[in-house]
Amino acid sequence: MLAVADAKDVSPHAITDPTLFDCIDVESVSRLVEDGPTGAAGTESVRFDYDDSLIEVRADGLVGVFEPVGDAR
């Protein structure tokens, strides 16, 4: 939630809906990050839609928040 709040320039407390638990399997993402990278340079990742953003969580711990561009989504 910190990465989403940072990308949207709001407080993490301001993001209440939807919850991450409604969007993803949190245990799967946790396992990915806890197990660490097993491929080349931590290339394993999980992507999911959250609100109006695409979120990517990589095995090396990097979290990306991507906003839609035009009709690309």
PDB file of N, CA and C in Angstrom:
ATOM      1  N   MET A   1       0.812  -1.176   0.000  1.00  0.00           N
ATOM      2  CA  MET A   1       0.000   0.000   0.000  1.00  0.00           C
ATOM      3  C   MET A   1       0.866   1.255   0.000  1.00  0.00           C
ATOM      4  N   LEU A   2       2.049   1.160   0.569  1.00  0.00           N
ATOM      5  CA  LEU A   2       2.922   2.333   0.594  1.00  0.00           C
ATOM      6  C   LEU A   2       3.304   2.772  -0.818  1.00  0.00           C
ATOM      7  N   ALA A   3       3.587   1.823  -1.694  1.00  0.00           N
ATOM      8  CA  ALA A   3       3.960   2.165  -3.070  1.00  0.00           C
ATOM      9  C   ALA A   3       2.781   2.798  -3.809  1.00  0.00           C
ATOM     10  N   VAL A   4       1.578   2.269  -3.598  1.00  0.00           N
ATOM     11  CA  VAL A   4       0.387   2.839  -4.241  1.00  0.00           C
ATOM     12  C   VAL A   4       0.138   4.245  -3.709  1.00  0.00           C
ATOM     13  N   ALA A   5       0.215   4.419  -2.402  1.00  0.00           N
ATOM     14  CA  ALA A   5      -0.003   5.735  -1.810  1.00  0.00           C
ATOM     15  C   ALA A   5       1.034   6.735  -2.317  1.00  0.00           C
ATOM     16  N   ASP A   6       2.280   6.295  -2.403  1.00  0.00           N
ATOM     17  CA  ASP A   6       3.341   7.169  -2.897  1.00  0.00           C
ATOM     18  C   ASP A   6       3.080   7.565  -4.348  1.00  0.00           C
ATOM     19  N   ALA A   7       2.689   6.604  -5.180  1.00  0.00           N
ATOM     20  CA  ALA A   7       2.428   6.887  -6.595  1.00  0.00           C
ATOM     21  C   ALA A   7       1.247   7.832  -6.770  1.00  0.00           C
ATOM     22  N   LYS A   8       0.263   7.721  -5.884  1.00  0.00           N
ATOM     23  CA  LYS A   8      -0.929   8.568  -5.977  1.00  0.00           C
ATOM     24  C   LYS A   8      -0.783   9.857  -5.162  1.00  0.00           C
ATOM     25  N   ASP A   9       0.359   9.988  -4.468  1.00  0.00           N
ATOM     26  CA  ASP A   9       0.651  11.162  -3.647  1.00  0.00           C
ATOM     27  C   ASP A   9      -0.429  11.406  -2.589  1.00  0.00           C
ATOM     28  N   VAL A  10      -0.779  10.325  -1.882  1.00  0.00           N
ATOM     29  CA  VAL A  10      -1.741  10.415  -0.782  1.00  0.00           C
ATOM     30  C   VAL A  10      -1.198   9.632   0.409  1.00  0.00           C
ATOM     31  N   SER A  11      -1.813   9.818   1.552  1.00  0.00           N
ATOM     32  CA  SER A  11      -1.462   9.056   2.750  1.00  0.00           C
ATOM     33  C   SER A  11      -1.919   7.615   2.569  1.00  0.00           C
ATOM     34  N   PRO A  12      -1.149   6.640   3.060  1.00  0.00           N
ATOM     35  CA  PRO A  12      -1.602   5.251   2.984  1.00  0.00           C
ATOM     36  C   PRO A  12      -2.954   5.042   3.673  1.00  0.00           C
ATOM     37  N   HIS A  13      -3.234   5.847   4.678  1.00  0.00           N
ATOM     38  CA  HIS A  13      -4.510   5.738   5.395  1.00  0.00           C
ATOM     39  C   HIS A  13      -5.691   6.208   4.552  1.00  0.00           C
ATOM     40  N   ALA A  14      -5.410   6.961   3.495  1.00  0.00           N
ATOM     41  CA  ALA A  14      -6.475   7.463   2.626  1.00  0.00           C
ATOM     42  C   ALA A  14      -6.966   6.389   1.651  1.00  0.00           C
ATOM     43  N   ILE A  15      -6.191   5.328   1.499  1.00  0.00           N
ATOM     44  CA  ILE A  15      -6.571   4.256   0.582  1.00  0.00           C
ATOM     45  C   ILE A  15      -7.292   3.182   1.384  1.00  0.00           C
ATOM     46  N   THR A  16      -8.588   3.103   1.192  1.00  0.00           N
ATOM     47  CA  THR A  16      -9.380   2.159   1.979  1.00  0.00           C
ATOM     48  C   THR A  16     -10.124   1.135   1.125  1.00  0.00           C
ATOM     49  N   ASP A  17     -10.334   1.423  -0.136  1.00  0.00           N
ATOM     50  CA  ASP A  17     -11.127   0.528  -0.954  1.00  0.00           C
ATOM     51  C   ASP A  17     -10.624   0.543  -2.386  1.00  0.00           C
ATOM     52  N   PRO A  18     -10.384  -0.554  -3.007  1.00  0.00           N
ATOM     53  CA  PRO A  18     -10.513  -1.895  -2.445  1.00  0.00           C
ATOM     54  C   PRO A  18      -9.297  -2.245  -1.596  1.00  0.00           C
ATOM     55  N   THR A  19      -9.461  -3.221  -0.732  1.00  0.00           N
ATOM     56  CA  THR A  19      -8.310  -3.676   0.046  1.00  0.00           C
ATOM     57  C   THR A  19      -7.477  -4.607  -0.831  1.00  0.00           C
ATOM     58  N   LEU A  20      -6.214  -4.748  -0.497  1.00  0.00           N
ATOM     59  CA  LEU A  20      -5.364  -5.669  -1.256  1.00  0.00           C
ATOM     60  C   LEU A  20      -5.891  -7.090  -1.167  1.00  0.00           C
ATOM     61  N   PHE A  21      -6.476  -7.440  -0.039  1.00  0.00           N
ATOM     62  CA  PHE A  21      -7.011  -8.787   0.130  1.00  0.00           C
ATOM     63  C   PHE A  21      -8.131  -9.080  -0.864  1.00  0.00           C
ATOM     64  N   ASP A  22      -8.783  -8.039  -1.365  1.00  0.00           N
ATOM     65  CA  ASP A  22      -9.835  -8.208  -2.368  1.00  0.00           C
ATOM     66  C   ASP A  22      -9.257  -8.386  -3.773  1.00  0.00           C
ATOM     67  N   CYS A  23      -7.984  -8.054  -3.962  1.00  0.00           N
ATOM     68  CA  CYS A  23      -7.385  -8.020  -5.300  1.00  0.00           C
ATOM     69  C   CYS A  23      -6.389  -9.137  -5.578  1.00  0.00           C
ATOM     70  N   ILE A  24      -5.746  -9.650  -4.530  1.00  0.00           N
ATOM     71  CA  ILE A  24      -4.661 -10.616  -4.755  1.00  0.00           C
ATOM     72  C   ILE A  24      -4.650 -11.699  -3.695  1.00  0.00           C
ATOM     73  N   ASP A  25      -3.862 -12.715  -3.957  1.00  0.00           N
ATOM     74  CA  ASP A  25      -3.568 -13.732  -2.965  1.00  0.00           C
ATOM     75  C   ASP A  25      -2.311 -13.268  -2.235  1.00  0.00           C
ATOM     76  N   VAL A  26      -2.496 -12.643  -1.088  1.00  0.00           N
ATOM     77  CA  VAL A  26      -1.398 -12.018  -0.354  1.00  0.00           C
ATOM     78  C   VAL A  26      -0.322 -13.037   0.012  1.00  0.00           C
ATOM     79  N   GLU A  27      -0.712 -14.252   0.359  1.00  0.00           N
ATOM     80  CA  GLU A  27       0.268 -15.276   0.716  1.00  0.00           C
ATOM     81  C   GLU A  27       1.194 -15.595  -0.459  1.00  0.00           C
ATOM     82  N   SER A  28       0.664 -15.615  -1.668  1.00  0.00           N
ATOM     83  CA  SER A  28       1.495 -15.893  -2.847  1.00  0.00           C
ATOM     84  C   SER A  28       2.532 -14.801  -3.061  1.00  0.00           C
ATOM     85  N   VAL A  29       2.115 -13.546  -2.922  1.00  0.00           N
ATOM     86  CA  VAL A  29       3.052 -12.438  -3.080  1.00  0.00           C
ATOM     87  C   VAL A  29       4.096 -12.480  -1.972  1.00  0.00           C
ATOM     88  N   SER A  30       3.685 -12.762  -0.748  1.00  0.00           N
ATOM     89  CA  SER A  30       4.625 -12.843   0.375  1.00  0.00           C
ATOM     90  C   SER A  30       5.657 -13.941   0.140  1.00  0.00           C
ATOM     91  N   ARG A  31       5.198 -15.084  -0.340  1.00  0.00           N
ATOM     92  CA  ARG A  31       6.129 -16.182  -0.625  1.00  0.00           C
ATOM     93  C   ARG A  31       7.123 -15.801  -1.706  1.00  0.00           C
ATOM     94  N   LEU A  32       6.655 -15.111  -2.729  1.00  0.00           N
ATOM     95  CA  LEU A  32       7.533 -14.682  -3.821  1.00  0.00           C
ATOM     96  C   LEU A  32       8.649 -13.808  -3.277  1.00  0.00           C
ATOM     97  N   VAL A  33       8.308 -12.851  -2.444  1.00  0.00           N
ATOM     98  CA  VAL A  33       9.301 -11.926  -1.908  1.00  0.00           C
ATOM     99  C   VAL A  33      10.180 -12.614  -0.868  1.00  0.00           C
ATOM    100  N   GLU A  34       9.586 -13.439   0.003  1.00  0.00           N
ATOM    101  CA  GLU A  34      10.357 -14.119   1.045  1.00  0.00           C
ATOM    102  C   GLU A  34      11.344 -15.125   0.464  1.00  0.00           C
ATOM    103  N   ASP A  35      10.916 -15.856  -0.584  1.00  0.00           N
ATOM    104  CA  ASP A  35      11.787 -16.862  -1.180  1.00  0.00           C
ATOM    105  C   ASP A  35      12.938 -16.232  -1.957  1.00  0.00           C
ATOM    106  N   GLY A  36      12.762 -15.003  -2.381  1.00  0.00           N
ATOM    107  CA  GLY A  36      13.795 -14.305  -3.114  1.00  0.00           C
ATOM    108  C   GLY A  36      13.898 -14.778  -4.546  1.00  0.00           C
ATOM    109  N   PRO A  37      14.736 -14.130  -5.296  1.00  0.00           N
ATOM    110  CA  PRO A  37      14.863 -14.453  -6.715  1.00  0.00           C
ATOM    111  C   PRO A  37      15.497 -15.821  -6.930  1.00  0.00           C
ATOM    112  N   THR A  38      14.948 -16.561  -7.875  1.00  0.00           N
ATOM    113  CA  THR A  38      15.551 -17.830  -8.268  1.00  0.00           C
ATOM    114  C   THR A  38      15.952 -17.804  -9.730  1.00  0.00           C
ATOM    115  N   GLY A  39      15.442 -16.828 -10.478  1.00  0.00           N
ATOM    116  CA  GLY A  39      15.776 -16.691 -11.890  1.00  0.00           C
ATOM    117  C   GLY A  39      16.843 -15.637 -12.077  1.00  0.00           C
ATOM    118  N   ALA A  40      17.027 -15.254 -13.312  1.00  0.00           N
ATOM    119  CA  ALA A  40      18.029 -14.253 -13.642  1.00  0.00           C
ATOM    120  C   ALA A  40      17.655 -12.901 -13.052  1.00  0.00           C
ATOM    121  N   ALA A  41      18.491 -12.404 -12.180  1.00  0.00           N
ATOM    122  CA  ALA A  41      18.353 -11.053 -11.604  1.00  0.00           C
ATOM    123  C   ALA A  41      16.972 -10.786 -11.007  1.00  0.00           C
ATOM    124  N   GLY A  42      16.366 -11.792 -10.382  1.00  0.00           N
ATOM    125  CA  GLY A  42      15.091 -11.572  -9.713  1.00  0.00           C
ATOM    126  C   GLY A  42      13.952 -11.244 -10.651  1.00  0.00           C
ATOM    127  N   THR A  43      13.879 -11.970 -11.741  1.00  0.00           N
ATOM    128  CA  THR A  43      12.896 -11.637 -12.764  1.00  0.00           C
ATOM    129  C   THR A  43      11.488 -12.127 -12.438  1.00  0.00           C
ATOM    130  N   GLU A  44      11.332 -12.989 -11.430  1.00  0.00           N
ATOM    131  CA  GLU A  44      10.003 -13.455 -11.086  1.00  0.00           C
ATOM    132  C   GLU A  44       9.186 -12.282 -10.557  1.00  0.00           C
ATOM    133  N   SER A  45       7.920 -12.232 -10.967  1.00  0.00           N
ATOM    134  CA  SER A  45       7.073 -11.143 -10.491  1.00  0.00           C
ATOM    135  C   SER A  45       5.610 -11.555 -10.528  1.00  0.00           C
ATOM    136  N   VAL A  46       4.828 -10.806  -9.793  1.00  0.00           N
ATOM    137  CA  VAL A  46       3.383 -10.953  -9.793  1.00  0.00           C
ATOM    138  C   VAL A  46       2.816  -9.604 -10.194  1.00  0.00           C
ATOM    139  N   ARG A  47       1.874  -9.618 -11.135  1.00  0.00           N
ATOM    140  CA  ARG A  47       1.213  -8.377 -11.564  1.00  0.00           C
ATOM    141  C   ARG A  47      -0.280  -8.512 -11.318  1.00  0.00           C
ATOM    142  N   PHE A  48      -0.879  -7.412 -10.892  1.00  0.00           N
ATOM    143  CA  PHE A  48      -2.319  -7.423 -10.682  1.00  0.00           C
ATOM    144  C   PHE A  48      -2.855  -6.011 -10.797  1.00  0.00           C
ATOM    145  N   ASP A  49      -4.132  -5.923 -11.131  1.00  0.00           N
ATOM    146  CA  ASP A  49      -4.805  -4.626 -11.195  1.00  0.00           C
ATOM    147  C   ASP A  49      -5.256  -4.226  -9.803  1.00  0.00           C
ATOM    148  N   TYR A  50      -5.040  -2.975  -9.487  1.00  0.00           N
ATOM    149  CA  TYR A  50      -5.517  -2.423  -8.227  1.00  0.00           C
ATOM    150  C   TYR A  50      -6.037  -1.029  -8.506  1.00  0.00           C
ATOM    151  N   ASP A  51      -7.316  -0.834  -8.250  1.00  0.00           N
ATOM    152  CA  ASP A  51      -7.952   0.447  -8.515  1.00  0.00           C
ATOM    153  C   ASP A  51      -7.723   0.763  -9.986  1.00  0.00           C
ATOM    154  N   ASP A  52      -7.076   1.850 -10.324  1.00  0.00           N
ATOM    155  CA  ASP A  52      -6.817   2.197 -11.724  1.00  0.00           C
ATOM    156  C   ASP A  52      -5.362   1.983 -12.104  1.00  0.00           C
ATOM    157  N   SER A  53      -4.659   1.141 -11.363  1.00  0.00           N
ATOM    158  CA  SER A  53      -3.230   0.956 -11.582  1.00  0.00           C
ATOM    159  C   SER A  53      -2.892  -0.512 -11.808  1.00  0.00           C
ATOM    160  N   LEU A  54      -1.759  -0.726 -12.457  1.00  0.00           N
ATOM    161  CA  LEU A  54      -1.187  -2.060 -12.563  1.00  0.00           C
ATOM    162  C   LEU A  54      -0.047  -2.109 -11.554  1.00  0.00           C
ATOM    163  N   ILE A  55      -0.070  -3.105 -10.675  1.00  0.00           N
ATOM    164  CA  ILE A  55       0.953  -3.247  -9.648  1.00  0.00           C
ATOM    165  C   ILE A  55       1.817  -4.447 -10.015  1.00  0.00           C
ATOM    166  N   GLU A  56       3.129  -4.283  -9.900  1.00  0.00           N
ATOM    167  CA  GLU A  56       4.062  -5.386 -10.108  1.00  0.00           C
ATOM    168  C   GLU A  56       4.928  -5.527  -8.872  1.00  0.00           C
ATOM    169  N   VAL A  57       4.953  -6.732  -8.303  1.00  0.00           N
ATOM    170  CA  VAL A  57       5.805  -7.037  -7.160  1.00  0.00           C
ATOM    171  C   VAL A  57       6.824  -8.060  -7.633  1.00  0.00           C
ATOM    172  N   ARG A  58       8.096  -7.688  -7.548  1.00  0.00           N
ATOM    173  CA  ARG A  58       9.160  -8.570  -8.020  1.00  0.00           C
ATOM    174  C   ARG A  58       9.763  -9.341  -6.859  1.00  0.00           C
ATOM    175  N   ALA A  59      10.371 -10.465  -7.169  1.00  0.00           N
ATOM    176  CA  ALA A  59      10.985 -11.315  -6.152  1.00  0.00           C
ATOM    177  C   ALA A  59      12.112 -10.608  -5.412  1.00  0.00           C
ATOM    178  N   ASP A  60      12.735  -9.611  -6.040  1.00  0.00           N
ATOM    179  CA  ASP A  60      13.807  -8.886  -5.364  1.00  0.00           C
ATOM    180  C   ASP A  60      13.272  -7.784  -4.456  1.00  0.00           C
ATOM    181  N   GLY A  61      11.927  -7.693  -4.328  1.00  0.00           N
ATOM    182  CA  GLY A  61      11.316  -6.729  -3.418  1.00  0.00           C
ATOM    183  C   GLY A  61      10.872  -5.435  -4.065  1.00  0.00           C
ATOM    184  N   LEU A  62      11.252  -5.204  -5.307  1.00  0.00           N
ATOM    185  CA  LEU A  62      10.850  -3.982  -5.997  1.00  0.00           C
ATOM    186  C   LEU A  62       9.349  -4.011  -6.276  1.00  0.00           C
ATOM    187  N   VAL A  63       8.679  -2.900  -5.987  1.00  0.00           N
ATOM    188  CA  VAL A  63       7.247  -2.775  -6.261  1.00  0.00           C
ATOM    189  C   VAL A  63       7.058  -1.633  -7.241  1.00  0.00           C
ATOM    190  N   GLY A  64       6.402  -1.911  -8.352  1.00  0.00           N
ATOM    191  CA  GLY A  64       6.117  -0.885  -9.349  1.00  0.00           C
ATOM    192  C   GLY A  64       4.627  -0.606  -9.399  1.00  0.00           C
ATOM    193  N   VAL A  65       4.289   0.660  -9.550  1.00  0.00           N
ATOM    194  CA  VAL A  65       2.897   1.084  -9.697  1.00  0.00           C
ATOM    195  C   VAL A  65       2.808   1.816 -11.029  1.00  0.00           C
ATOM    196  N   PHE A  66       2.007   1.281 -11.939  1.00  0.00           N
ATOM    197  CA  PHE A  66       1.917   1.822 -13.279  1.00  0.00           C
ATOM    198  C   PHE A  66       0.504   2.319 -13.541  1.00  0.00           C
ATOM    199  N   GLU A  67       0.409   3.549 -14.015  1.00  0.00           N
ATOM    200  CA  GLU A  67      -0.870   4.145 -14.347  1.00  0.00           C
ATOM    201  C   GLU A  67      -1.215   3.822 -15.802  1.00  0.00           C
ATOM    202  N   PRO A  68      -2.503   3.681 -16.108  1.00  0.00           N
ATOM    203  CA  PRO A  68      -2.886   3.413 -17.494  1.00  0.00           C
ATOM    204  C   PRO A  68      -2.534   4.579 -18.406  1.00  0.00           C
ATOM    205  N   VAL A  69      -2.163   4.262 -19.635  1.00  0.00           N
ATOM    206  CA  VAL A  69      -1.817   5.281 -20.629  1.00  0.00           C
ATOM    207  C   VAL A  69      -2.823   5.177 -21.762  1.00  0.00           C
ATOM    208  N   GLY A  70      -3.677   6.154 -21.888  1.00  0.00           N
ATOM    209  CA  GLY A  70      -4.667   6.157 -22.966  1.00  0.00           C
ATOM    210  C   GLY A  70      -5.496   4.893 -22.966  1.00  0.00           C
ATOM    211  N   ASP A  71      -5.581   4.247 -24.127  1.00  0.00           N
ATOM    212  CA  ASP A  71      -6.351   3.016 -24.259  1.00  0.00           C
ATOM    213  C   ASP A  71      -5.487   1.781 -24.163  1.00  0.00           C
ATOM    214  N   ALA A  72      -4.303   1.914 -23.582  1.00  0.00           N
ATOM    215  CA  ALA A  72      -3.370   0.794 -23.507  1.00  0.00           C
ATOM    216  C   ALA A  72      -3.864  -0.320 -22.600  1.00  0.00           C
ATOM    217  N   ARG A  73      -4.818  -0.052 -21.742  1.00  0.00           N
ATOM    218  CA  ARG A  73      -5.288  -1.086 -20.815  1.00  0.00           C
ATOM    219  C   ARG A  73      -6.570  -1.613 -21.278  1.00  0.00           C
TER     220      ARG A  73
END
